[in-house]
Amino acid sequence: MAITEKAKSLNKEHNRIATAKAQGIDPELKAKLLNDINSGRGNVSRSGVFSLGGDIKDLALVTRQVRLYSGIVLELGGNASPAEVDKFAETSTGILFWGKANGDAYEQTPSKIMFGTYFKQTIGEVEWSKSKGKLEILRYSSKS
């Protein structure tokens, strides 16, 4: 007999609560912390949308990963959620292949790299370097 998705979800939730209690951690606090970890860098929600920024013309000045991420956003119509970028990258080929120039695929998803490493530079909050300064390659609008 197949287990339904709802039953799997309930079982997963039960296990989460039981594990948290066994560790002496409030289950609700643990759920919040895990959500914060998964939501991106700092208090940035991954449910937002990227769009092309005012300095997209300077794309050649930034890292390969940000160039590829931006190219995928452009390919998806100029606006894309992190989940849409990740999904597209799973099967991308050619100049938008999510990997190194030598053909080796990146081990992390596009959004994990974006939010974990390049987010603040990409949206123009911090400098790429002294010589490049701040560049708004992409804009990011959080959904409420």
Protein backbone atom coordinates (compact mmCIF):
# COMPACT_ATOMS: atom_id res chain seq x y z
CA MET A 1 0.00 0.00 0.00
CA ALA A 2 1.45 3.36 -1.04
CA ILE A 3 1.95 6.06 1.56
CA THR A 4 0.25 9.27 0.56
CA GLU A 5 2.14 12.57 0.41
CA LYS A 6 0.07 13.88 3.34
CA ALA A 7 1.03 10.86 5.47
CA LYS A 8 4.69 11.32 4.55
CA SER A 9 4.47 14.99 5.49
CA LEU A 10 2.81 14.22 8.83
CA ASN A 11 5.41 11.55 9.60
CA LYS A 12 8.22 13.98 8.76
CA GLU A 13 6.71 16.65 11.02
CA HIS A 14 6.27 14.13 13.85
CA ASN A 15 9.92 13.05 13.52
CA ARG A 16 11.06 16.71 13.47
CA ILE A 17 9.23 17.48 16.72
CA ALA A 18 10.39 14.26 18.41
CA THR A 19 14.02 14.92 17.44
CA ALA A 20 13.89 18.52 18.68
CA LYS A 21 12.38 17.43 22.00
CA ALA A 22 15.01 14.70 22.41
CA GLN A 23 17.71 17.32 21.85
CA GLY A 24 16.13 19.57 24.46
CA ILE A 25 15.26 22.25 21.90
CA ASP A 26 11.88 23.92 21.54
CA PRO A 27 10.46 22.44 18.28
CA GLU A 28 9.04 25.80 17.16
CA LEU A 29 12.36 27.56 17.76
CA LYS A 30 14.20 24.85 15.85
CA ALA A 31 11.75 25.15 12.94
CA LYS A 32 12.26 28.93 12.86
CA LEU A 33 16.05 28.57 12.92
CA LEU A 34 16.01 25.99 10.14
CA ASN A 35 13.74 28.25 8.10
CA ASP A 36 16.14 31.17 8.64
CA ILE A 37 19.05 29.02 7.50
CA ASN A 38 17.17 27.95 4.38
CA SER A 39 15.82 31.41 3.58
CA GLY A 40 19.07 32.81 2.30
CA ARG A 41 21.70 35.17 3.55
CA GLY A 42 20.75 37.12 6.65
CA ASN A 43 17.12 38.08 6.52
CA VAL A 44 16.80 37.79 2.74
CA SER A 45 13.82 35.70 1.72
CA ARG A 46 14.37 33.36 -1.20
CA SER A 47 10.77 33.87 -2.27
CA GLY A 48 11.66 37.11 -4.05
CA VAL A 49 12.37 37.83 -7.70
CA PHE A 50 15.55 38.87 -9.49
CA SER A 51 15.40 41.36 -12.36
CA LEU A 52 18.10 43.02 -14.43
CA GLY A 53 19.93 45.80 -12.61
CA GLY A 54 21.08 49.19 -13.78
CA ASP A 55 24.68 48.02 -14.28
CA ILE A 56 23.91 44.87 -16.27
CA LYS A 57 26.00 46.36 -19.08
CA ASP A 58 29.06 45.73 -16.86
CA LEU A 59 28.34 42.01 -16.57
CA ALA A 60 31.75 41.09 -18.00
CA LEU A 61 33.43 42.58 -14.90
CA VAL A 62 31.94 40.09 -12.41
CA THR A 63 32.48 36.41 -11.63
CA ARG A 64 31.44 33.60 -13.97
CA GLN A 65 28.76 32.37 -11.55
CA VAL A 66 27.08 35.79 -11.45
CA ARG A 67 27.33 36.11 -15.23
CA LEU A 68 25.64 32.72 -15.64
CA TYR A 69 22.98 33.51 -13.02
CA SER A 70 22.23 36.81 -14.75
CA GLY A 71 22.13 35.10 -18.14
CA ILE A 72 19.57 32.63 -16.84
CA VAL A 73 17.44 35.48 -15.43
CA LEU A 74 17.64 37.14 -18.86
CA GLU A 75 16.74 33.89 -20.63
CA LEU A 76 13.71 33.53 -18.34
CA GLY A 77 12.38 36.90 -19.51
CA GLY A 78 14.34 39.30 -17.31
CA ASN A 79 12.56 38.35 -14.07
CA ALA A 80 13.00 35.08 -12.19
CA SER A 81 12.73 33.64 -8.71
CA PRO A 82 15.70 31.75 -7.25
CA ALA A 83 13.71 28.50 -7.63
CA GLU A 84 13.15 29.21 -11.34
CA VAL A 85 16.87 29.88 -11.85
CA ASP A 86 17.78 26.65 -10.06
CA LYS A 87 15.27 24.63 -12.10
CA PHE A 88 16.51 26.11 -15.39
CA ALA A 89 20.14 25.37 -14.46
CA GLU A 90 19.40 21.66 -13.94
CA THR A 91 19.11 21.17 -17.70
CA SER A 92 20.92 24.22 -19.13
CA THR A 93 23.44 23.69 -21.90
CA GLY A 94 25.68 25.79 -24.12
CA ILE A 95 26.66 29.22 -22.86
CA LEU A 96 24.22 28.92 -19.94
CA PHE A 97 25.55 25.54 -18.73
CA TRP A 98 25.77 25.75 -14.93
CA GLY A 99 29.42 24.83 -14.59
CA LYS A 100 33.00 25.74 -15.14
CA ALA A 101 34.40 26.72 -18.54
CA ASN A 102 36.15 23.31 -18.68
CA GLY A 103 32.76 21.53 -18.66
CA ASP A 104 32.71 20.43 -15.01
CA ALA A 105 29.32 21.13 -13.42
CA TYR A 106 29.21 23.26 -10.29
CA GLU A 107 28.42 21.22 -7.20
CA GLN A 108 26.12 23.83 -5.65
CA THR A 109 22.87 25.20 -7.04
CA PRO A 110 22.92 28.68 -8.55
CA SER A 111 20.93 30.14 -5.68
CA LYS A 112 23.11 28.55 -3.01
CA ILE A 113 26.12 30.25 -4.59
CA MET A 114 24.25 33.53 -5.13
CA PHE A 115 22.86 33.85 -1.61
CA GLY A 116 25.89 32.36 0.11
CA THR A 117 28.61 34.30 -1.66
CA TYR A 118 27.65 37.00 -4.16
CA PHE A 119 24.26 38.41 -3.19
CA LYS A 120 25.30 41.75 -1.67
CA GLN A 121 27.79 42.48 -4.46
CA THR A 122 25.31 41.49 -7.17
CA ILE A 123 22.58 43.84 -5.94
CA GLY A 124 25.07 46.71 -5.50
CA GLU A 125 25.10 46.84 -1.69
CA VAL A 126 28.84 46.29 -1.38
CA GLU A 127 31.82 46.76 -3.68
CA TRP A 128 33.12 43.96 -5.87
CA SER A 129 36.57 45.45 -5.37
CA LYS A 130 38.15 48.89 -4.98
CA SER A 131 38.64 49.17 -8.75
CA LYS A 132 35.17 47.89 -9.75
CA GLY A 133 33.23 49.56 -6.98
CA LYS A 134 29.53 48.85 -6.51
CA LEU A 135 27.64 47.37 -9.45
CA GLU A 136 23.92 46.62 -9.47
CA ILE A 137 24.00 43.65 -11.83
CA LEU A 138 20.63 42.35 -10.63
CA ARG A 139 17.84 43.78 -8.52
CA TYR A 140 16.09 41.68 -5.92
CA SER A 141 12.54 42.29 -4.77
CA SER A 142 11.37 40.30 -1.77
CA LYS A 143 7.81 39.02 -1.70
CA SER A 144 5.97 39.55 1.55
